[in-house]
Amino acid sequence: MKPSSAYPLPRDYRLNVEDLRVVARGMQRPECVLALENGELLASHGGGGYSRVLAGGNVRHVLPAAGRGAQAGRAYVPNGIALAPDGRVLFADLGAGQGGIFALAADGALEYAVESIEGKPLPPSNYVTVDAGGTLWLTVSTRRQPRSEAWTPTVADGFIAVLDSDGARIVADGLGYTNEIAFSPDGRWVYVNETYAQCVSRFALLPGPALGPREVVARLGGANLPDGLTFDAHGGLWLTCIASNRLLVVRPDGEVQTVLEDTDPEHEALVAQGVQTGTLQHATMQTAGRSRLGNMSSLAFGGKDLRTAYLGCLLDDAIRAFDSPVPGLPTAHWRRTVSG
């Protein structure tokens, strides 16, 4: 990221939890949130589908319907979600032993969008997005099972893949628990969170599409585990960190700025020790300690001027929001609408 003395976010800008407002409740594991120009929000639903928050505030849950492509007895765990150009809602299935990218219609019909890659079934899958050109991008955090074996910087077997007219293929491999990706404002770079490597990396976006060599742009520590990332319109990269429940901004000059935190110090120390020693337990990550933010996991800019920031989370039933001093960067799905 290049230095920019004109970046308008004040270096002393800070939020308190009391500055947040709840815009929707009754959610289930709303890990990933998307904001649309028409005022709607989409969020992943831990029960197997997605939640649609209409412009008037009403919430509608869309789940797979029996006999409509859903596999009997399979527990789908939507993590990242996407809105395709044709209005289909996609989700990355972070199941215990199975993965894949699925398309879920408004009537509950479910079908694979990506089932396998390079001749092998997709492992539990983390994130999905569809770029402006219609290429589907997905991430797999790790090939290890259980996934907790990869909750340490010493394991780096996650990858980024694409699906286009040439089929599905891996474009970057060997990442330290691959999570969300985002495209830079100039369209030249793909940024990615490596959650348990505790860093943000980027790749030059090449024709194909293909990716250039990996570059690390920010390193984190403690229990700062970067999950979601999104750009503002001025090139600042906003990171949501589970465990520490911190919202960070990587400024264009590379400085990492904390803008919100609601951290339980005892829980933070327990997680940090577990990450560094490779002993982090699943039960430890099923709580945020005394934090009130429920392991915030994603951020989406929306509202009429893209100055409303919406926060998703893993361990609460709410989407929260705050007024941002800088507008967000319009995403590829910003002007898309949900079919049905």
Protein backbone atom coordinates (compact mmCIF):
# COMPACT_ATOMS: atom_id res chain seq x y z
CA MET A 1 0.00 0.00 0.00
CA LYS A 2 1.36 3.40 -0.96
CA PRO A 3 1.75 6.29 1.50
CA SER A 4 -1.06 8.83 1.32
CA SER A 5 -0.94 11.98 3.43
CA ALA A 6 -4.43 12.82 2.14
CA TYR A 7 -6.17 9.84 3.74
CA PRO A 8 -9.10 11.55 5.52
CA LEU A 9 -9.66 9.20 8.48
CA PRO A 10 -8.30 11.03 11.54
CA ARG A 11 -5.51 9.09 13.23
CA ASP A 12 -7.24 9.54 16.58
CA TYR A 13 -10.65 8.34 15.36
CA ARG A 14 -12.11 5.89 17.89
CA LEU A 15 -15.48 4.28 18.48
CA ASN A 16 -17.02 2.94 21.66
CA VAL A 17 -19.42 0.01 21.83
CA GLU A 18 -22.07 2.52 22.88
CA ASP A 19 -21.69 4.19 19.47
CA LEU A 20 -23.08 1.08 17.77
CA ARG A 21 -26.75 0.49 17.10
CA VAL A 22 -28.55 -2.77 16.43
CA VAL A 23 -30.26 -2.78 13.02
CA ALA A 24 -31.50 -6.39 13.01
CA ARG A 25 -32.00 -9.17 15.52
CA GLY A 26 -33.22 -12.73 15.28
CA MET A 27 -30.25 -13.75 13.18
CA GLN A 28 -28.32 -17.01 13.51
CA ARG A 29 -24.55 -16.79 13.11
CA PRO A 30 -24.60 -13.75 10.77
CA GLU A 31 -20.91 -14.21 9.97
CA CYS A 32 -20.91 -12.41 6.62
CA VAL A 33 -22.96 -9.28 5.83
CA LEU A 34 -23.56 -7.75 2.39
CA ALA A 35 -25.10 -4.31 1.84
CA LEU A 36 -27.00 -3.42 -1.34
CA GLU A 37 -27.81 -0.08 -2.96
CA ASN A 38 -31.56 -0.70 -2.57
CA GLY A 39 -31.16 -0.64 1.21
CA GLU A 40 -31.30 -4.38 1.79
CA LEU A 41 -28.81 -6.41 3.80
CA LEU A 42 -27.93 -10.06 3.31
CA ALA A 43 -26.33 -12.17 6.03
CA SER A 44 -25.30 -15.77 6.30
CA HIS A 45 -27.64 -17.91 8.40
CA GLY A 46 -26.10 -20.62 10.55
CA GLY A 47 -29.17 -22.80 10.04
CA GLY A 48 -28.17 -23.51 6.46
CA GLY A 49 -29.07 -20.51 4.31
CA TYR A 50 -29.17 -16.74 4.43
CA SER A 51 -31.12 -13.91 6.04
CA ARG A 52 -32.51 -11.00 4.07
CA VAL A 53 -33.03 -7.72 5.92
CA LEU A 54 -35.41 -5.68 3.80
CA ALA A 55 -35.16 -1.91 3.51
CA GLY A 56 -38.06 -1.50 5.95
CA GLY A 57 -36.31 -3.59 8.60
CA ASN A 58 -38.24 -6.83 8.20
CA VAL A 59 -36.11 -9.97 8.33
CA ARG A 60 -36.73 -12.98 6.09
CA HIS A 61 -34.78 -16.23 6.47
CA VAL A 62 -34.23 -18.42 3.42
CA LEU A 63 -33.27 -22.04 4.16
CA PRO A 64 -32.85 -25.14 1.99
CA ALA A 65 -36.12 -26.96 1.37
CA ALA A 66 -36.34 -30.71 1.75
CA GLY A 67 -36.48 -32.39 -1.62
CA ARG A 68 -35.20 -29.25 -3.41
CA GLY A 69 -31.59 -30.36 -3.75
CA ALA A 70 -30.67 -30.34 -0.05
CA GLN A 71 -28.97 -33.52 1.11
CA ALA A 72 -30.95 -35.26 3.84
CA GLY A 73 -29.08 -35.17 7.15
CA ARG A 74 -26.42 -32.73 5.98
CA ALA A 75 -25.85 -29.75 8.23
CA TYR A 76 -24.90 -26.82 6.02
CA VAL A 77 -22.95 -24.04 7.73
CA PRO A 78 -22.97 -20.94 5.49
CA ASN A 79 -19.93 -18.80 6.22
CA GLY A 80 -19.18 -16.31 3.46
CA ILE A 81 -22.07 -15.37 1.17
CA ALA A 82 -22.21 -13.65 -2.20
CA LEU A 83 -24.76 -12.18 -4.58
CA ALA A 84 -24.16 -13.25 -8.17
CA PRO A 85 -24.98 -11.01 -11.17
CA ASP A 86 -28.04 -13.17 -11.93
CA GLY A 87 -29.45 -12.56 -8.44
CA ARG A 88 -28.57 -15.95 -6.98
CA VAL A 89 -27.35 -15.96 -3.38
CA LEU A 90 -24.29 -18.15 -2.93
CA PHE A 91 -22.76 -19.46 0.26
CA ALA A 92 -19.53 -21.17 1.23
CA ASP A 93 -20.29 -24.24 3.31
CA LEU A 94 -18.03 -24.48 6.36
CA GLY A 95 -19.33 -27.88 7.42
CA ALA A 96 -17.49 -30.19 9.77
CA GLY A 97 -16.27 -32.52 7.05
CA GLN A 98 -17.71 -31.30 3.76
CA GLY A 99 -17.50 -28.04 1.88
CA GLY A 100 -18.51 -26.53 -1.42
CA ILE A 101 -20.07 -23.40 -2.83
CA PHE A 102 -23.86 -23.52 -3.08
CA ALA A 103 -26.57 -21.45 -4.77
CA LEU A 104 -29.78 -21.09 -2.76
CA ALA A 105 -32.95 -19.86 -4.48
CA ALA A 106 -35.70 -17.90 -2.76
CA ASP A 107 -37.95 -21.01 -2.82
CA GLY A 108 -35.32 -23.08 -0.98
CA ALA A 109 -33.95 -24.92 -4.02
CA LEU A 110 -30.29 -25.68 -3.44
CA GLU A 111 -27.61 -26.63 -5.93
CA TYR A 112 -23.84 -26.79 -6.13
CA ALA A 113 -22.05 -23.84 -7.73
CA VAL A 114 -18.64 -25.44 -7.08
CA GLU A 115 -18.42 -29.00 -5.81
CA SER A 116 -14.83 -29.97 -6.54
CA ILE A 117 -11.56 -28.49 -7.68
CA GLU A 118 -8.67 -30.13 -9.50
CA GLY A 119 -10.42 -33.49 -9.21
CA LYS A 120 -11.01 -33.37 -5.45
CA PRO A 121 -14.12 -32.43 -3.42
CA LEU A 122 -13.89 -29.01 -1.86
CA PRO A 123 -12.92 -29.12 1.83
CA PRO A 124 -14.98 -27.03 4.27
CA SER A 125 -15.12 -23.66 2.49
CA ASN A 126 -14.75 -20.21 4.01
CA TYR A 127 -15.62 -17.40 1.60
CA VAL A 128 -17.12 -16.68 -1.81
CA THR A 129 -17.56 -13.59 -3.97
CA VAL A 130 -18.33 -12.89 -7.62
CA ASP A 131 -16.36 -10.06 -9.22
CA ALA A 132 -17.59 -7.45 -11.70
CA GLY A 133 -16.68 -9.68 -14.63
CA GLY A 134 -18.64 -12.66 -13.31
CA THR A 135 -15.70 -14.73 -12.08
CA LEU A 136 -16.43 -16.60 -8.86
CA TRP A 137 -13.69 -16.45 -6.22
CA LEU A 138 -13.58 -18.74 -3.20
CA THR A 139 -11.31 -19.53 -0.29
CA VAL A 140 -10.59 -22.66 1.67
CA SER A 141 -8.92 -22.00 5.01
CA THR A 142 -7.24 -25.38 5.46
CA ARG A 143 -7.23 -28.94 4.21
CA ARG A 144 -6.74 -30.20 7.78
CA GLN A 145 -9.57 -31.93 9.63
CA PRO A 146 -10.54 -30.96 12.18
CA ARG A 147 -9.89 -27.34 11.18
CA SER A 148 -8.59 -26.57 14.65
CA GLU A 149 -5.34 -28.33 13.68
CA ALA A 150 -4.65 -25.27 11.50
CA TRP A 151 -5.29 -22.70 14.24
CA THR A 152 -1.59 -21.88 14.47
CA PRO A 153 0.92 -19.95 12.31
CA THR A 154 2.89 -23.15 11.64
CA VAL A 155 0.18 -24.53 9.31
CA ALA A 156 -0.24 -22.95 5.87
CA ASP A 157 -2.35 -25.10 3.58
CA GLY A 158 -5.23 -22.78 2.68
CA PHE A 159 -5.91 -21.55 -0.84
CA ILE A 160 -7.72 -19.12 -3.13
CA ALA A 161 -9.53 -20.50 -6.19
CA VAL A 162 -11.63 -19.21 -9.06
CA LEU A 163 -14.40 -20.52 -11.29
CA ASP A 164 -14.82 -19.05 -14.76
CA SER A 165 -15.41 -20.29 -18.29
CA ASP A 166 -12.19 -22.30 -18.08
CA GLY A 167 -13.41 -24.19 -15.01
CA ALA A 168 -12.39 -24.20 -11.35
CA ARG A 169 -8.73 -23.93 -10.38
CA ILE A 170 -6.48 -22.86 -7.50
CA VAL A 171 -4.71 -19.55 -8.07
CA ALA A 172 -2.86 -19.19 -4.74
CA ASP A 173 -1.92 -21.92 -2.26
CA GLY A 174 0.01 -22.34 0.98
CA LEU A 175 -1.80 -19.64 2.97
CA GLY A 176 -2.16 -19.50 6.74
CA TYR A 177 -5.89 -20.07 7.20
CA THR A 178 -7.34 -18.22 4.22
CA ASN A 179 -10.35 -16.06 5.02
CA GLU A 180 -12.04 -13.15 3.21
CA ILE A 181 -10.58 -11.53 0.11
CA ALA A 182 -11.09 -8.00 -1.25
CA PHE A 183 -10.12 -6.21 -4.45
CA SER A 184 -8.16 -2.97 -4.17
CA PRO A 185 -9.81 0.28 -5.32
CA ASP A 186 -7.56 0.42 -8.40
CA GLY A 187 -8.36 -3.19 -9.30
CA ARG A 188 -4.69 -4.18 -9.37
CA TRP A 189 -4.52 -6.29 -6.21
CA VAL A 190 -6.33 -9.06 -4.38
CA TYR A 191 -6.02 -8.74 -0.60
CA VAL A 192 -6.59 -11.67 1.75
CA ASN A 193 -6.76 -12.24 5.49
CA GLU A 194 -4.64 -15.12 6.76
CA THR A 195 -6.39 -15.53 10.07
CA TYR A 196 -4.07 -17.75 12.11
CA ALA A 197 -0.92 -16.52 10.39
CA GLN A 198 -2.21 -13.18 11.75
CA CYS A 199 -1.43 -11.16 8.67
CA VAL A 200 -2.94 -9.45 5.66
CA SER A 201 -1.40 -10.37 2.32
CA ARG A 202 -1.94 -9.29 -1.25
CA PHE A 203 -1.34 -10.59 -4.76
CA ALA A 204 -1.08 -8.70 -8.03
CA LEU A 205 -4.17 -9.47 -10.10
CA LEU A 206 -3.02 -10.74 -13.49
CA PRO A 207 -4.91 -11.69 -16.68
CA GLY A 208 -6.45 -15.13 -16.59
CA PRO A 209 -7.33 -14.35 -13.87
CA ALA A 210 -4.11 -15.33 -12.15
CA LEU A 211 -2.25 -14.03 -9.11
CA GLY A 212 1.31 -12.82 -8.75
CA PRO A 213 3.65 -13.47 -5.80
CA ARG A 214 2.36 -13.04 -2.25
CA GLU A 215 3.24 -9.85 -0.37
CA VAL A 216 2.52 -9.28 3.33
CA VAL A 217 1.12 -5.79 3.96
CA ALA A 218 0.28 -5.97 7.68
CA ARG A 219 1.21 -8.24 10.57
CA LEU A 220 -0.87 -8.51 13.71
CA GLY A 221 -0.26 -10.02 17.12
CA GLY A 222 -1.86 -11.08 20.37
CA ALA A 223 -5.35 -12.43 19.74
CA ASN A 224 -5.98 -10.22 16.70
CA LEU A 225 -7.26 -12.84 14.24
CA PRO A 226 -8.31 -11.04 11.03
CA ASP A 227 -11.54 -12.44 9.59
CA GLY A 228 -13.35 -9.87 7.43
CA LEU A 229 -11.82 -7.12 5.31
CA THR A 230 -13.24 -4.37 3.12
CA PHE A 231 -11.92 -1.18 1.53
CA ASP A 232 -13.18 2.31 2.02
CA ALA A 233 -13.29 4.71 -0.92
CA HIS A 234 -9.93 6.25 0.03
CA GLY A 235 -7.89 3.04 0.18
CA GLY A 236 -8.15 2.25 3.88
CA LEU A 237 -8.58 -1.45 4.59
CA TRP A 238 -10.95 -2.25 7.47
CA LEU A 239 -10.35 -5.50 9.35
CA THR A 240 -12.66 -7.27 11.79
CA CYS A 241 -10.82 -9.44 14.29
CA ILE A 242 -12.46 -12.35 16.06
CA ALA A 243 -11.25 -13.27 19.58
CA SER A 244 -9.90 -9.79 20.33
CA ASN A 245 -13.10 -8.14 19.02
CA ARG A 246 -11.16 -5.28 17.51
CA LEU A 247 -11.92 -3.29 14.39
CA LEU A 248 -8.68 -2.20 12.74
CA VAL A 249 -7.88 -0.02 9.75
CA VAL A 250 -4.76 -0.54 7.68
CA ARG A 251 -4.16 2.99 6.47
CA PRO A 252 -2.77 3.53 2.95
CA ASP A 253 0.67 4.25 4.46
CA GLY A 254 0.63 0.83 6.21
CA GLU A 255 -0.07 2.03 9.75
CA VAL A 256 -2.55 -0.18 11.60
CA GLN A 257 -5.09 1.88 13.55
CA THR A 258 -7.49 0.54 16.16
CA VAL A 259 -10.90 2.18 15.81
CA LEU A 260 -13.04 -0.08 18.01
CA GLU A 261 -12.32 -2.70 20.65
CA ASP A 262 -14.29 -4.53 23.26
CA THR A 263 -11.73 -7.04 24.43
CA ASP A 264 -11.74 -9.43 27.37
CA PRO A 265 -8.05 -9.41 28.44
CA GLU A 266 -8.17 -12.87 30.03
CA HIS A 267 -9.80 -14.42 26.99
CA GLU A 268 -7.38 -12.57 24.70
CA ALA A 269 -4.39 -13.99 26.59
CA LEU A 270 -5.82 -17.52 26.45
CA VAL A 271 -6.37 -17.32 22.70
CA ALA A 272 -2.97 -15.76 22.00
CA GLN A 273 -1.20 -18.50 23.95
CA GLY A 274 -3.20 -21.21 22.18
CA VAL A 275 -2.38 -19.81 18.74
CA GLN A 276 1.34 -19.58 19.40
CA THR A 277 1.61 -23.03 21.00
CA GLY A 278 -0.73 -24.78 18.57
CA THR A 279 -3.05 -25.81 21.42
CA LEU A 280 -6.07 -23.58 20.76
CA GLN A 281 -9.24 -25.51 21.52
CA HIS A 282 -12.59 -25.36 19.72
CA ALA A 283 -14.39 -24.56 22.97
CA THR A 284 -12.19 -21.49 23.47
CA MET A 285 -13.33 -20.06 20.15
CA GLN A 286 -17.00 -20.64 20.96
CA THR A 287 -17.00 -17.71 23.34
CA ALA A 288 -15.94 -14.09 23.19
CA GLY A 289 -15.35 -13.97 26.92
CA ARG A 290 -16.82 -10.81 28.38
CA SER A 291 -16.85 -8.96 25.05
CA ARG A 292 -20.23 -7.63 23.97
CA LEU A 293 -19.45 -7.87 20.25
CA GLY A 294 -19.91 -11.62 19.77
CA ASN A 295 -16.71 -12.13 17.76
CA MET A 296 -17.36 -9.56 15.04
CA SER A 297 -16.42 -11.15 11.77
CA SER A 298 -17.25 -8.88 8.84
CA LEU A 299 -17.92 -5.29 7.84
CA ALA A 300 -19.99 -3.98 4.93
CA PHE A 301 -20.39 -0.35 3.94
CA GLY A 302 -23.91 0.62 2.89
CA GLY A 303 -26.56 3.29 3.21
CA LYS A 304 -27.32 5.99 0.65
CA ASP A 305 -23.85 7.48 0.82
CA LEU A 306 -21.96 4.28 1.76
CA ARG A 307 -21.19 5.80 5.16
CA THR A 308 -23.09 3.24 7.24
CA ALA A 309 -20.87 0.38 8.37
CA TYR A 310 -22.61 -2.89 9.23
CA LEU A 311 -20.94 -5.51 11.43
CA GLY A 312 -21.52 -9.26 11.23
CA CYS A 313 -20.58 -11.67 14.01
CA LEU A 314 -20.21 -15.33 14.89
CA LEU A 315 -21.68 -15.57 18.37
CA ASP A 316 -24.61 -13.15 18.55
CA ASP A 317 -28.01 -12.81 16.86
CA ALA A 318 -27.59 -9.18 15.78
CA ILE A 319 -26.19 -7.00 13.03
CA ARG A 320 -24.81 -3.75 14.41
CA ALA A 321 -23.99 -0.52 12.62
CA PHE A 322 -22.23 2.81 13.04
CA ASP A 323 -21.83 5.99 11.00
CA SER A 324 -18.44 6.03 9.31
CA PRO A 325 -16.45 9.25 8.79
CA VAL A 326 -15.33 7.91 5.39
CA PRO A 327 -17.47 6.24 2.70
CA GLY A 328 -16.96 2.67 1.67
CA LEU A 329 -15.80 1.47 -1.72
CA PRO A 330 -18.73 0.24 -3.82
CA THR A 331 -18.46 -3.52 -4.18
CA ALA A 332 -19.21 -5.60 -7.28
CA HIS A 333 -22.54 -6.68 -5.77
CA TRP A 334 -23.58 -3.17 -4.66
CA ARG A 335 -26.11 -2.62 -7.47
CA ARG A 336 -27.23 -6.24 -7.79
CA THR A 337 -30.64 -7.43 -6.56
CA VAL A 338 -31.79 -10.73 -5.14
CA SER A 339 -33.83 -12.84 -7.54
CA GLY A 340 -37.22 -13.88 -6.21
